[in-house]
């Protein structure tokens, strides 16, 4: 192990038996972590690759894995979004992550709206679209809709619930859709 590797390992808490010169940039696909890039001796390069994956808007749950554990700068699987998708990432994390939404609701067409996120989902009779937006009072406006038609979406019916706190998001979505976000 060279001096740069030792410095990177010490800076990210990889000492002793956990010391490594290999960093894997991983993403979550259908509940499993898969390696997209492998970087040797350069943690900062791994962070740059991870940021590029996030900015491509294709990968929401990412991490840097080394020495048998997550060594991402943010410390958890959902990536540190550098301003662009920070709000969308925070909302998705409060709902359990994109993987949970995909498996429990059948969520797809996830879109970042700057100050919020929206997605379509399957399985509920009443609604098939949710848009969650942050308000200046640090609460959420949640819009439920029934979207139909292609190529242009037509909102057949719509319901907006305002002044929702983060702790109320899951129960509200479960109550309105009839679908559960956890087992």
N, C-alpha and C. Protein backbone atom coordinates (compact mmCIF):
# COMPACT_ATOMS: atom_id res chain seq x y z
N UNK A 1 0.85 -1.17 0.00
CA UNK A 1 0.00 0.00 0.00
C UNK A 1 0.90 1.24 0.00
N UNK A 2 0.60 2.20 -0.89
CA UNK A 2 1.43 3.39 -0.98
C UNK A 2 0.95 4.48 -0.02
N UNK A 3 1.65 5.61 0.00
CA UNK A 3 1.35 6.70 0.93
C UNK A 3 -0.02 7.32 0.64
N UNK A 4 -0.39 7.49 -0.62
CA UNK A 4 -1.69 8.07 -0.97
C UNK A 4 -2.83 7.19 -0.49
N UNK A 5 -2.66 5.89 -0.64
CA UNK A 5 -3.69 4.95 -0.18
C UNK A 5 -3.82 5.01 1.33
N UNK A 6 -2.70 5.07 2.02
CA UNK A 6 -2.73 5.15 3.48
C UNK A 6 -3.43 6.43 3.93
N UNK A 7 -3.16 7.55 3.24
CA UNK A 7 -3.80 8.82 3.56
C UNK A 7 -5.31 8.73 3.35
N UNK A 8 -5.73 8.19 2.19
CA UNK A 8 -7.16 8.04 1.91
C UNK A 8 -7.82 7.15 2.94
N UNK A 9 -7.17 6.05 3.30
CA UNK A 9 -7.75 5.13 4.27
C UNK A 9 -7.90 5.80 5.63
N UNK A 10 -6.89 6.53 6.05
CA UNK A 10 -6.96 7.22 7.34
C UNK A 10 -8.02 8.31 7.33
N UNK A 11 -8.14 9.03 6.22
CA UNK A 11 -9.12 10.11 6.13
C UNK A 11 -10.54 9.59 6.18
N UNK A 12 -10.76 8.34 5.77
CA UNK A 12 -12.11 7.80 5.73
C UNK A 12 -12.32 6.68 6.72
N UNK A 13 -11.46 6.62 7.73
CA UNK A 13 -11.65 5.69 8.83
C UNK A 13 -11.40 4.24 8.49
N UNK A 14 -10.56 3.96 7.53
CA UNK A 14 -10.26 2.58 7.15
C UNK A 14 -8.88 2.21 7.67
N UNK A 15 -8.78 1.98 8.95
CA UNK A 15 -7.50 1.63 9.52
C UNK A 15 -7.42 0.16 9.88
N UNK A 16 -6.25 -0.32 10.20
CA UNK A 16 -6.06 -1.69 10.66
C UNK A 16 -6.45 -2.71 9.61
N UNK A 17 -7.30 -3.67 10.00
CA UNK A 17 -7.72 -4.73 9.10
C UNK A 17 -8.61 -4.22 7.96
N UNK A 18 -9.19 -3.03 8.13
CA UNK A 18 -10.10 -2.50 7.12
C UNK A 18 -9.36 -1.74 6.02
N UNK A 19 -8.07 -1.57 6.13
CA UNK A 19 -7.31 -0.81 5.14
C UNK A 19 -7.45 -1.44 3.76
N UNK A 20 -7.63 -0.57 2.77
CA UNK A 20 -7.85 -1.05 1.41
C UNK A 20 -7.32 -0.05 0.40
N UNK A 21 -7.06 -0.51 -0.79
CA UNK A 21 -6.70 0.40 -1.87
C UNK A 21 -7.73 0.26 -3.00
N UNK A 22 -8.84 -0.38 -2.73
CA UNK A 22 -9.87 -0.61 -3.73
C UNK A 22 -11.20 -0.04 -3.25
N UNK A 23 -11.77 0.87 -4.04
CA UNK A 23 -13.05 1.47 -3.74
C UNK A 23 -14.03 1.08 -4.84
N UNK A 24 -15.19 0.54 -4.46
CA UNK A 24 -16.21 0.16 -5.43
C UNK A 24 -17.36 1.16 -5.37
N UNK A 25 -17.69 1.76 -6.51
CA UNK A 25 -18.84 2.64 -6.60
C UNK A 25 -20.02 1.76 -7.00
N UNK A 26 -21.01 1.67 -6.09
CA UNK A 26 -22.10 0.73 -6.30
C UNK A 26 -23.44 1.45 -6.38
N UNK A 27 -24.40 0.79 -7.00
CA UNK A 27 -25.77 1.28 -7.06
C UNK A 27 -26.71 0.14 -6.69
N UNK A 28 -27.90 0.51 -6.26
CA UNK A 28 -28.87 -0.50 -5.86
C UNK A 28 -29.83 -0.75 -7.01
N UNK A 29 -29.95 -2.02 -7.38
CA UNK A 29 -30.86 -2.42 -8.45
C UNK A 29 -31.68 -3.61 -7.96
N UNK A 30 -32.99 -3.43 -7.86
CA UNK A 30 -33.91 -4.47 -7.40
C UNK A 30 -33.48 -5.05 -6.06
N UNK A 31 -33.07 -4.17 -5.15
CA UNK A 31 -32.73 -4.59 -3.81
C UNK A 31 -31.32 -5.12 -3.62
N UNK A 32 -30.53 -5.22 -4.68
CA UNK A 32 -29.16 -5.74 -4.59
C UNK A 32 -28.16 -4.66 -4.97
N UNK A 33 -27.05 -4.59 -4.24
CA UNK A 33 -25.99 -3.65 -4.57
C UNK A 33 -25.15 -4.24 -5.69
N UNK A 34 -24.92 -3.46 -6.74
CA UNK A 34 -24.12 -3.89 -7.88
C UNK A 34 -22.99 -2.90 -8.11
N UNK A 35 -21.83 -3.41 -8.46
CA UNK A 35 -20.66 -2.55 -8.68
C UNK A 35 -20.68 -1.99 -10.09
N UNK A 36 -20.60 -0.66 -10.18
CA UNK A 36 -20.56 0.03 -11.47
C UNK A 36 -19.12 0.36 -11.85
N UNK A 37 -18.34 0.86 -10.90
CA UNK A 37 -16.95 1.25 -11.14
C UNK A 37 -16.08 0.72 -9.99
N UNK A 38 -14.86 0.36 -10.32
CA UNK A 38 -13.86 0.01 -9.31
C UNK A 38 -12.69 0.96 -9.49
N UNK A 39 -12.32 1.64 -8.40
CA UNK A 39 -11.25 2.63 -8.43
C UNK A 39 -10.18 2.20 -7.44
N UNK A 40 -8.93 2.24 -7.88
CA UNK A 40 -7.82 1.87 -7.02
C UNK A 40 -7.07 3.12 -6.55
N UNK A 41 -6.81 3.21 -5.25
CA UNK A 41 -5.94 4.23 -4.64
C UNK A 41 -6.45 5.66 -4.72
N UNK A 42 -7.71 5.91 -5.06
CA UNK A 42 -8.16 7.28 -5.19
C UNK A 42 -9.62 7.42 -4.77
N UNK A 43 -9.85 7.74 -3.49
CA UNK A 43 -11.20 7.90 -2.98
C UNK A 43 -11.91 9.06 -3.66
N UNK A 44 -11.20 10.15 -3.93
CA UNK A 44 -11.82 11.34 -4.53
C UNK A 44 -12.32 11.05 -5.94
N UNK A 45 -11.61 10.22 -6.68
CA UNK A 45 -12.06 9.80 -8.01
C UNK A 45 -13.35 8.98 -7.89
N UNK A 46 -13.41 8.12 -6.87
CA UNK A 46 -14.63 7.33 -6.63
C UNK A 46 -15.80 8.25 -6.31
N UNK A 47 -15.56 9.30 -5.51
CA UNK A 47 -16.62 10.26 -5.20
C UNK A 47 -17.08 11.01 -6.45
N UNK A 48 -16.15 11.36 -7.34
CA UNK A 48 -16.51 12.03 -8.59
C UNK A 48 -17.37 11.12 -9.48
N UNK A 49 -17.01 9.86 -9.57
CA UNK A 49 -17.80 8.90 -10.35
C UNK A 49 -19.19 8.73 -9.77
N UNK A 50 -19.25 8.68 -8.45
CA UNK A 50 -20.55 8.55 -7.78
C UNK A 50 -21.42 9.78 -8.05
N UNK A 51 -20.84 10.96 -7.96
CA UNK A 51 -21.58 12.19 -8.25
C UNK A 51 -22.09 12.21 -9.69
N UNK A 52 -21.27 11.74 -10.62
CA UNK A 52 -21.69 11.69 -12.03
C UNK A 52 -22.86 10.71 -12.22
N UNK A 53 -22.82 9.59 -11.51
CA UNK A 53 -23.92 8.63 -11.58
C UNK A 53 -25.21 9.26 -11.08
N UNK A 54 -25.12 10.01 -10.01
CA UNK A 54 -26.30 10.64 -9.43
C UNK A 54 -26.85 11.72 -10.36
N UNK A 55 -25.94 12.54 -10.90
CA UNK A 55 -26.38 13.62 -11.78
C UNK A 55 -26.99 13.11 -13.08
N UNK A 56 -26.68 11.87 -13.45
CA UNK A 56 -27.29 11.30 -14.66
C UNK A 56 -28.77 11.02 -14.43
N UNK A 57 -29.22 11.14 -13.18
CA UNK A 57 -30.61 10.92 -12.78
C UNK A 57 -31.07 9.50 -13.04
N UNK A 58 -30.14 8.58 -13.18
CA UNK A 58 -30.50 7.19 -13.40
C UNK A 58 -30.34 6.38 -12.12
N UNK A 59 -29.45 6.82 -11.23
CA UNK A 59 -29.16 6.08 -10.02
C UNK A 59 -29.49 6.95 -8.81
N UNK A 60 -30.39 6.49 -7.94
CA UNK A 60 -30.72 7.23 -6.73
C UNK A 60 -29.98 6.68 -5.52
N UNK A 61 -29.98 5.38 -5.34
CA UNK A 61 -29.29 4.77 -4.21
C UNK A 61 -27.90 4.35 -4.64
N UNK A 62 -26.89 5.07 -4.18
CA UNK A 62 -25.51 4.76 -4.52
C UNK A 62 -24.67 4.78 -3.25
N UNK A 63 -23.50 4.17 -3.34
CA UNK A 63 -22.57 4.20 -2.21
C UNK A 63 -21.17 3.90 -2.72
N UNK A 64 -20.19 4.21 -1.88
CA UNK A 64 -18.81 3.82 -2.12
C UNK A 64 -18.50 2.76 -1.08
N UNK A 65 -18.11 1.59 -1.53
CA UNK A 65 -17.92 0.44 -0.66
C UNK A 65 -16.44 0.07 -0.64
N UNK A 66 -15.89 -0.07 0.55
CA UNK A 66 -14.48 -0.45 0.69
C UNK A 66 -14.29 -1.10 2.04
N UNK A 67 -13.44 -2.10 2.07
CA UNK A 67 -13.12 -2.75 3.34
C UNK A 67 -14.32 -3.37 4.03
N UNK A 68 -15.32 -3.78 3.27
CA UNK A 68 -16.47 -4.44 3.85
C UNK A 68 -17.54 -3.52 4.40
N UNK A 69 -17.45 -2.21 4.13
CA UNK A 69 -18.49 -1.30 4.62
C UNK A 69 -18.63 -0.08 3.72
N UNK A 70 -19.72 0.64 3.95
CA UNK A 70 -20.02 1.86 3.20
C UNK A 70 -19.13 2.98 3.73
N UNK A 71 -18.32 3.57 2.85
CA UNK A 71 -17.43 4.66 3.25
C UNK A 71 -17.77 5.95 2.52
N UNK A 72 -19.00 6.07 2.05
CA UNK A 72 -19.43 7.27 1.35
C UNK A 72 -19.29 8.47 2.26
N UNK A 73 -19.06 9.64 1.68
CA UNK A 73 -18.84 10.83 2.48
C UNK A 73 -20.08 11.22 3.27
N UNK A 74 -21.28 10.81 2.80
CA UNK A 74 -22.50 11.13 3.52
C UNK A 74 -22.87 10.07 4.54
N UNK A 75 -22.21 8.89 4.48
CA UNK A 75 -22.37 7.88 5.50
C UNK A 75 -23.58 6.97 5.37
N UNK A 76 -24.40 7.13 4.35
CA UNK A 76 -25.50 6.21 4.15
C UNK A 76 -25.69 5.96 2.67
N UNK A 77 -26.50 4.96 2.32
CA UNK A 77 -26.65 4.50 0.95
C UNK A 77 -27.19 5.52 -0.02
N UNK A 78 -28.13 6.34 0.37
CA UNK A 78 -28.65 7.34 -0.54
C UNK A 78 -27.59 8.42 -0.70
N UNK A 79 -27.32 8.78 -1.91
CA UNK A 79 -26.16 9.60 -2.22
C UNK A 79 -26.29 11.04 -1.76
N UNK A 80 -25.15 11.71 -1.65
CA UNK A 80 -25.12 13.13 -1.35
C UNK A 80 -25.32 13.88 -2.66
N UNK A 81 -26.48 14.45 -2.83
CA UNK A 81 -26.78 15.15 -4.06
C UNK A 81 -26.28 16.57 -3.91
N UNK A 82 -25.43 16.99 -4.79
CA UNK A 82 -24.79 18.30 -4.67
C UNK A 82 -25.71 19.41 -5.16
N UNK A 83 -26.81 19.63 -4.43
CA UNK A 83 -27.69 20.73 -4.76
C UNK A 83 -28.76 20.38 -5.76
N UNK A 84 -28.44 19.70 -6.84
CA UNK A 84 -29.39 19.46 -7.90
C UNK A 84 -30.62 18.69 -7.44
N UNK A 85 -30.39 17.56 -6.81
CA UNK A 85 -31.49 16.68 -6.46
C UNK A 85 -31.59 16.48 -4.95
N UNK A 86 -31.13 17.43 -4.17
CA UNK A 86 -31.11 17.26 -2.73
C UNK A 86 -32.51 17.12 -2.16
N UNK A 87 -33.44 17.91 -2.62
CA UNK A 87 -34.80 17.85 -2.10
C UNK A 87 -35.46 16.54 -2.49
N UNK A 88 -35.34 16.16 -3.75
CA UNK A 88 -35.94 14.89 -4.22
C UNK A 88 -35.35 13.71 -3.47
N UNK A 89 -34.03 13.72 -3.26
CA UNK A 89 -33.38 12.62 -2.54
C UNK A 89 -33.86 12.55 -1.10
N UNK A 90 -34.02 13.70 -0.46
CA UNK A 90 -34.48 13.72 0.93
C UNK A 90 -35.92 13.19 1.04
N UNK A 91 -36.77 13.58 0.12
CA UNK A 91 -38.16 13.11 0.13
C UNK A 91 -38.20 11.60 -0.09
N UNK A 92 -37.46 11.13 -1.08
CA UNK A 92 -37.44 9.69 -1.36
C UNK A 92 -36.88 8.91 -0.17
N UNK A 93 -35.88 9.46 0.51
CA UNK A 93 -35.31 8.80 1.68
C UNK A 93 -36.33 8.75 2.82
N UNK A 94 -37.12 9.79 2.99
CA UNK A 94 -38.14 9.80 4.04
C UNK A 94 -39.24 8.77 3.77
N UNK A 95 -39.45 8.44 2.51
CA UNK A 95 -40.44 7.43 2.15
C UNK A 95 -39.85 6.02 2.16
N UNK A 96 -38.56 5.89 2.45
CA UNK A 96 -37.92 4.59 2.54
C UNK A 96 -36.94 4.31 1.42
N UNK A 97 -36.74 5.24 0.51
CA UNK A 97 -35.81 5.04 -0.59
C UNK A 97 -36.53 4.63 -1.87
N UNK A 98 -35.87 4.83 -2.98
CA UNK A 98 -36.48 4.52 -4.27
C UNK A 98 -36.72 3.02 -4.43
N UNK A 99 -35.85 2.21 -3.86
CA UNK A 99 -36.03 0.76 -3.95
C UNK A 99 -37.30 0.29 -3.27
N UNK A 100 -37.58 0.86 -2.10
CA UNK A 100 -38.80 0.50 -1.38
C UNK A 100 -40.03 0.96 -2.16
N UNK A 101 -39.99 2.16 -2.73
CA UNK A 101 -41.12 2.64 -3.51
C UNK A 101 -41.37 1.77 -4.73
N UNK A 102 -40.28 1.34 -5.37
CA UNK A 102 -40.45 0.49 -6.55
C UNK A 102 -41.02 -0.87 -6.17
N UNK A 103 -40.58 -1.43 -5.06
CA UNK A 103 -41.05 -2.77 -4.70
C UNK A 103 -42.44 -2.75 -4.06
N UNK A 104 -42.74 -1.76 -3.24
CA UNK A 104 -44.02 -1.74 -2.53
C UNK A 104 -45.14 -1.06 -3.31
N UNK A 105 -44.83 -0.03 -4.09
CA UNK A 105 -45.86 0.68 -4.85
C UNK A 105 -45.78 0.42 -6.35
N UNK A 106 -44.67 -0.11 -6.81
CA UNK A 106 -44.48 -0.23 -8.26
C UNK A 106 -44.18 1.12 -8.88
N UNK A 107 -43.47 1.98 -8.14
CA UNK A 107 -43.18 3.34 -8.59
C UNK A 107 -42.31 3.33 -9.84
N UNK A 108 -42.64 4.23 -10.76
CA UNK A 108 -41.85 4.41 -11.98
C UNK A 108 -42.01 5.86 -12.44
N UNK A 109 -41.26 6.25 -13.44
CA UNK A 109 -41.27 7.63 -13.95
C UNK A 109 -41.03 8.63 -12.82
N UNK A 110 -40.00 8.40 -12.02
CA UNK A 110 -39.66 9.29 -10.92
C UNK A 110 -39.01 10.54 -11.51
N UNK A 111 -39.57 11.72 -11.18
CA UNK A 111 -39.07 12.98 -11.72
C UNK A 111 -38.72 13.95 -10.60
N UNK A 112 -37.61 14.64 -10.77
CA UNK A 112 -37.19 15.68 -9.85
C UNK A 112 -37.79 17.00 -10.32
N UNK A 113 -38.45 17.73 -9.42
CA UNK A 113 -39.06 19.01 -9.76
C UNK A 113 -38.33 20.18 -9.10
N UNK A 114 -37.12 19.99 -8.66
CA UNK A 114 -36.38 21.04 -7.98
C UNK A 114 -36.77 21.13 -6.52
N UNK A 115 -37.99 21.56 -6.26
CA UNK A 115 -38.48 21.67 -4.88
C UNK A 115 -39.39 20.50 -4.54
N UNK A 116 -39.25 19.40 -5.25
CA UNK A 116 -40.10 18.25 -4.98
C UNK A 116 -39.80 17.09 -5.90
N UNK A 117 -40.65 16.08 -5.82
CA UNK A 117 -40.48 14.88 -6.62
C UNK A 117 -41.87 14.36 -6.97
N UNK A 118 -41.97 13.68 -8.12
CA UNK A 118 -43.23 13.05 -8.49
C UNK A 118 -42.93 11.68 -9.08
N UNK A 119 -43.93 10.81 -9.02
CA UNK A 119 -43.78 9.49 -9.62
C UNK A 119 -45.15 8.89 -9.87
N UNK A 120 -45.18 7.98 -10.83
CA UNK A 120 -46.37 7.19 -11.09
C UNK A 120 -46.19 5.87 -10.38
N UNK A 121 -47.29 5.20 -10.08
CA UNK A 121 -47.22 3.91 -9.41
C UNK A 121 -48.40 3.05 -9.83
N UNK A 122 -48.33 1.78 -9.48
CA UNK A 122 -49.34 0.81 -9.89
C UNK A 122 -50.02 0.22 -8.65
N UNK A 123 -51.21 -0.32 -8.84
CA UNK A 123 -51.83 -1.12 -7.80
C UNK A 123 -52.97 -0.46 -7.04
N UNK A 124 -53.14 0.84 -7.13
CA UNK A 124 -54.22 1.52 -6.42
C UNK A 124 -55.33 1.86 -7.41
N UNK A 125 -56.56 1.70 -6.97
CA UNK A 125 -57.69 2.01 -7.86
C UNK A 125 -57.93 3.51 -7.98
N UNK A 126 -57.77 4.21 -6.87
CA UNK A 126 -58.14 5.62 -6.83
C UNK A 126 -57.10 6.53 -7.48
N UNK A 127 -55.81 6.31 -7.19
CA UNK A 127 -54.73 7.19 -7.66
C UNK A 127 -53.64 6.37 -8.34
N UNK A 128 -52.90 7.01 -9.25
CA UNK A 128 -51.72 6.37 -9.84
C UNK A 128 -50.56 7.35 -10.01
N UNK A 129 -50.65 8.52 -9.39
CA UNK A 129 -49.63 9.57 -9.52
C UNK A 129 -49.55 10.33 -8.20
N UNK A 130 -48.32 10.61 -7.77
CA UNK A 130 -48.10 11.42 -6.55
C UNK A 130 -47.04 12.47 -6.86
N UNK A 131 -47.30 13.70 -6.44
CA UNK A 131 -46.30 14.76 -6.50
C UNK A 131 -46.16 15.33 -5.09
N UNK A 132 -44.92 15.37 -4.60
CA UNK A 132 -44.64 15.88 -3.26
C UNK A 132 -43.73 17.09 -3.42
N UNK A 133 -44.16 18.24 -2.91
CA UNK A 133 -43.40 19.48 -3.03
C UNK A 133 -43.16 20.07 -1.64
N UNK A 134 -41.98 20.64 -1.44
CA UNK A 134 -41.64 21.29 -0.18
C UNK A 134 -42.12 22.74 -0.23
N UNK A 135 -42.69 23.20 0.88
CA UNK A 135 -43.15 24.58 0.97
C UNK A 135 -42.14 25.40 1.78
N UNK A 136 -42.21 26.73 1.73
CA UNK A 136 -41.28 27.56 2.51
C UNK A 136 -41.40 27.35 4.03
N UNK A 137 -42.52 26.82 4.51
CA UNK A 137 -42.69 26.57 5.95
C UNK A 137 -42.13 25.22 6.36
N UNK A 138 -41.38 24.57 5.48
CA UNK A 138 -40.74 23.27 5.73
C UNK A 138 -41.77 22.17 5.96
N UNK A 139 -42.90 22.29 5.29
CA UNK A 139 -43.91 21.23 5.25
C UNK A 139 -44.05 20.81 3.80
N UNK A 140 -44.90 19.84 3.55
CA UNK A 140 -45.06 19.31 2.20
C UNK A 140 -46.47 19.51 1.69
N UNK A 141 -46.59 19.73 0.40
CA UNK A 141 -47.87 19.68 -0.30
C UNK A 141 -47.84 18.39 -1.12
N UNK A 142 -48.80 17.52 -0.88
CA UNK A 142 -48.86 16.24 -1.56
C UNK A 142 -50.06 16.24 -2.48
N UNK A 143 -49.81 16.00 -3.77
CA UNK A 143 -50.87 15.95 -4.76
C UNK A 143 -51.02 14.53 -5.26
N UNK A 144 -52.22 14.00 -5.15
CA UNK A 144 -52.55 12.68 -5.67
C UNK A 144 -53.33 12.89 -6.95
N UNK A 145 -53.07 12.07 -7.95
CA UNK A 145 -53.78 12.23 -9.21
C UNK A 145 -54.03 10.91 -9.89
N UNK A 146 -54.97 10.93 -10.79
CA UNK A 146 -55.24 9.79 -11.66
C UNK A 146 -54.85 10.25 -13.05
N UNK A 147 -53.72 9.73 -13.54
CA UNK A 147 -53.17 10.14 -14.82
C UNK A 147 -53.51 9.08 -15.85
N UNK A 148 -53.90 9.51 -17.02
CA UNK A 148 -54.19 8.57 -18.09
C UNK A 148 -53.82 9.20 -19.42
N UNK A 149 -53.68 8.35 -20.42
CA UNK A 149 -53.44 8.84 -21.77
C UNK A 149 -51.98 8.96 -22.12
N UNK A 150 -51.68 8.72 -23.39
CA UNK A 150 -50.37 8.89 -23.95
C UNK A 150 -50.52 9.58 -25.28
N UNK A 151 -49.63 10.31 -25.78
CA UNK A 151 -48.34 10.68 -25.24
C UNK A 151 -48.42 11.82 -24.23
N UNK A 152 -49.55 12.50 -24.13
CA UNK A 152 -49.68 13.62 -23.19
C UNK A 152 -50.51 13.17 -22.00
N UNK A 153 -49.97 13.37 -20.82
CA UNK A 153 -50.70 12.95 -19.62
C UNK A 153 -51.90 13.86 -19.42
N UNK A 154 -53.00 13.26 -19.07
CA UNK A 154 -54.22 13.98 -18.77
C UNK A 154 -54.60 13.65 -17.34
N UNK A 155 -54.69 14.65 -16.48
CA UNK A 155 -55.03 14.44 -15.08
C UNK A 155 -56.54 14.34 -14.97
N UNK A 156 -57.05 13.11 -14.82
CA UNK A 156 -58.49 12.88 -14.76
C UNK A 156 -59.09 13.42 -13.47
N UNK A 157 -58.45 13.16 -12.34
CA UNK A 157 -58.89 13.73 -11.07
C UNK A 157 -57.66 14.01 -10.22
N UNK A 158 -57.85 14.89 -9.25
CA UNK A 158 -56.70 15.37 -8.48
C UNK A 158 -57.14 15.76 -7.08
N UNK A 159 -56.25 15.52 -6.10
CA UNK A 159 -56.49 15.92 -4.72
C UNK A 159 -55.18 16.40 -4.13
N UNK A 160 -55.17 17.59 -3.53
CA UNK A 160 -53.97 18.13 -2.90
C UNK A 160 -54.18 18.26 -1.40
N UNK A 161 -53.21 17.76 -0.64
CA UNK A 161 -53.22 17.87 0.81
C UNK A 161 -52.02 18.74 1.20
N UNK A 162 -52.28 19.82 1.93
CA UNK A 162 -51.23 20.78 2.28
C UNK A 162 -50.82 20.67 3.74
N UNK A 163 -49.68 21.28 4.05
CA UNK A 163 -49.14 21.37 5.41
C UNK A 163 -48.95 20.00 6.05
N UNK A 164 -48.26 19.11 5.34
CA UNK A 164 -47.97 17.77 5.82
C UNK A 164 -46.52 17.75 6.32
N UNK A 165 -46.31 17.26 7.54
CA UNK A 165 -44.96 17.13 8.08
C UNK A 165 -44.33 15.83 7.60
N UNK A 166 -43.01 15.72 7.70
CA UNK A 166 -42.28 14.56 7.19
C UNK A 166 -42.79 13.26 7.81
N UNK A 167 -43.10 13.29 9.10
CA UNK A 167 -43.57 12.08 9.78
C UNK A 167 -44.96 11.64 9.30
N UNK A 168 -45.69 12.55 8.66
CA UNK A 168 -47.03 12.24 8.20
C UNK A 168 -47.07 11.75 6.75
N UNK A 169 -45.93 11.80 6.04
CA UNK A 169 -45.92 11.42 4.62
C UNK A 169 -46.32 9.97 4.40
N UNK A 170 -45.67 9.05 5.08
CA UNK A 170 -45.96 7.63 4.89
C UNK A 170 -47.42 7.29 5.22
N UNK A 171 -47.90 7.67 6.41
CA UNK A 171 -49.29 7.34 6.72
C UNK A 171 -50.29 7.94 5.72
N UNK A 172 -50.02 9.15 5.26
CA UNK A 172 -50.91 9.78 4.29
C UNK A 172 -50.94 9.00 2.98
N UNK A 173 -49.78 8.63 2.48
CA UNK A 173 -49.72 7.88 1.22
C UNK A 173 -50.37 6.50 1.38
N UNK A 174 -50.12 5.85 2.51
CA UNK A 174 -50.75 4.54 2.74
C UNK A 174 -52.26 4.66 2.84
N UNK A 175 -52.75 5.70 3.51
CA UNK A 175 -54.19 5.88 3.66
C UNK A 175 -54.87 6.21 2.32
N UNK A 176 -54.25 7.08 1.54
CA UNK A 176 -54.87 7.51 0.28
C UNK A 176 -54.80 6.45 -0.82
N UNK A 177 -53.70 5.70 -0.86
CA UNK A 177 -53.55 4.73 -1.94
C UNK A 177 -54.03 3.34 -1.56
N UNK A 178 -54.06 3.03 -0.27
CA UNK A 178 -54.41 1.70 0.16
C UNK A 178 -53.25 0.73 0.02
N UNK A 179 -52.07 1.22 -0.30
CA UNK A 179 -50.87 0.41 -0.46
C UNK A 179 -49.91 0.72 0.68
N UNK A 180 -49.21 -0.29 1.18
CA UNK A 180 -48.29 -0.10 2.29
C UNK A 180 -46.87 0.13 1.80
N UNK A 181 -46.12 0.94 2.56
CA UNK A 181 -44.73 1.23 2.21
C UNK A 181 -43.74 0.35 2.95
N UNK A 182 -44.22 -0.47 3.86
CA UNK A 182 -43.35 -1.47 4.50
C UNK A 182 -44.17 -2.69 4.88
N UNK A 183 -43.48 -3.80 5.07
CA UNK A 183 -44.18 -5.06 5.34
C UNK A 183 -44.74 -5.12 6.74
